[in-house]
Amino acid sequence: MQRVAARDAAIKMLDKPYLDLTTPIECGILAFLSAMAEDARQRIHKHSREGRAAARTLRKPELAQHQRRVEIKRLATGESGWAIARDMGVARTTVGRLAH
């Protein structure tokens, strides 16, 4: 909007003729609504992040502690992560996380 106004141009909504964005009041209202929408977007993003983090902490581990120890030993001997994952019935990425 500011770039358009800087070039002495106006924005008109053809499907909403009651919105006249050429007046300062209408531009102010649009800026206010834009700020409200941005705030709502940021809150949604924050709550989504918090929800994913909470779900991650509640998730049951795919491998028990004794299984993890066995897998780490198998990785240390040079066995393939794919083979270990196939034997344990888990994803390759689960085994890959044990290596770090």
Protein backbone atom coordinates (compact mmCIF):
# COMPACT_ATOMS: atom_id res chain seq x y z
CA MET A 1 0.00 0.00 0.00
CA GLN A 2 2.80 2.40 0.90
CA ARG A 3 4.66 1.69 -2.33
CA VAL A 4 1.52 2.36 -4.33
CA ALA A 5 0.85 5.60 -2.44
CA ALA A 6 4.49 6.67 -2.90
CA ARG A 7 3.91 6.59 -6.67
CA ASP A 8 0.81 8.76 -6.37
CA ALA A 9 -1.47 5.87 -7.30
CA ALA A 10 -4.58 4.55 -5.60
CA ILE A 11 -6.00 1.10 -4.99
CA LYS A 12 -9.68 0.58 -5.70
CA MET A 13 -11.61 -2.57 -4.88
CA LEU A 14 -13.85 -3.17 -7.87
CA ASP A 15 -15.96 -5.76 -6.08
CA LYS A 16 -16.26 -3.59 -2.92
CA PRO A 17 -16.92 -0.01 -4.05
CA TYR A 18 -17.68 1.06 -0.48
CA LEU A 19 -13.99 0.62 0.36
CA ASP A 20 -12.30 3.78 -0.83
CA LEU A 21 -8.63 3.31 -0.06
CA THR A 22 -7.79 6.77 -1.31
CA THR A 23 -8.82 8.44 1.96
CA PRO A 24 -6.56 8.54 5.02
CA ILE A 25 -9.27 7.10 7.25
CA GLU A 26 -9.81 4.05 5.05
CA CYS A 27 -6.05 3.51 4.80
CA GLY A 28 -5.83 3.71 8.59
CA ILE A 29 -8.61 1.17 9.00
CA LEU A 30 -6.90 -1.14 6.52
CA ALA A 31 -3.58 -0.77 8.39
CA PHE A 32 -5.34 -1.56 11.67
CA LEU A 33 -7.01 -4.66 10.23
CA SER A 34 -3.71 -5.73 8.72
CA ALA A 35 -2.01 -5.41 12.10
CA MET A 36 -4.77 -7.44 13.75
CA ALA A 37 -4.41 -10.18 11.13
CA GLU A 38 -0.64 -10.27 11.60
CA ASP A 39 -1.06 -10.53 15.37
CA ALA A 40 -3.53 -13.41 14.95
CA ARG A 41 -1.12 -15.17 12.58
CA GLN A 42 1.73 -14.86 15.07
CA ARG A 43 -0.44 -16.20 17.92
CA ILE A 44 -1.52 -19.17 15.80
CA HIS A 45 2.11 -19.88 14.93
CA LYS A 46 3.14 -19.65 18.61
CA HIS A 47 0.34 -21.96 19.77
CA SER A 48 1.13 -24.45 17.01
CA ARG A 49 4.79 -24.51 18.07
CA GLU A 50 3.81 -25.00 21.71
CA GLY A 51 1.38 -27.78 20.78
CA ARG A 52 4.00 -29.64 18.75
CA ALA A 53 6.49 -29.33 21.61
CA ALA A 54 3.94 -30.65 24.11
CA ALA A 55 3.06 -33.55 21.84
CA ARG A 56 6.74 -34.39 21.46
CA THR A 57 7.20 -34.61 25.25
CA LEU A 58 4.11 -36.83 25.63
CA ARG A 59 5.09 -39.19 22.82
CA LYS A 60 6.03 -42.66 23.98
CA PRO A 61 9.56 -43.65 22.92
CA GLU A 62 9.62 -46.11 20.02
CA LEU A 63 12.37 -48.15 21.63
CA ALA A 64 12.69 -49.22 25.25
CA GLN A 65 15.86 -48.30 27.14
CA HIS A 66 17.36 -51.80 26.81
CA GLN A 67 16.57 -51.81 23.06
CA ARG A 68 18.34 -48.47 22.66
CA ARG A 69 21.46 -49.81 24.38
CA VAL A 70 21.51 -52.84 22.06
CA GLU A 71 21.03 -50.63 18.98
CA ILE A 72 23.82 -48.27 20.03
CA LYS A 73 26.17 -51.24 20.43
CA ARG A 74 25.16 -52.56 17.00
CA LEU A 75 25.82 -49.14 15.46
CA ALA A 76 29.20 -48.98 17.18
CA THR A 77 30.19 -52.30 15.57
CA GLY A 78 29.47 -50.78 12.16
CA GLU A 79 26.20 -52.51 11.40
CA SER A 80 23.95 -50.74 8.92
CA GLY A 81 21.29 -48.44 10.32
CA TRP A 82 18.89 -49.80 7.71
CA ALA A 83 19.41 -53.37 8.89
CA ILE A 84 18.94 -52.39 12.53
CA ALA A 85 15.78 -50.47 11.73
CA ARG A 86 14.37 -53.38 9.75
CA ASP A 87 15.13 -55.84 12.59
CA MET A 88 13.51 -53.60 15.21
CA GLY A 89 10.54 -52.55 13.06
CA VAL A 90 11.24 -48.83 13.36
CA ALA A 91 12.09 -46.07 10.92
CA ARG A 92 15.67 -45.52 9.83
CA THR A 93 15.55 -42.02 11.32
CA THR A 94 14.81 -43.51 14.76
CA VAL A 95 18.05 -45.50 14.56
CA GLY A 96 19.85 -42.46 13.13
CA ARG A 97 18.91 -40.39 16.19
CA LEU A 98 20.58 -42.98 18.42
CA ALA A 99 23.87 -42.46 16.61
CA HIS A 100 24.11 -38.84 17.75
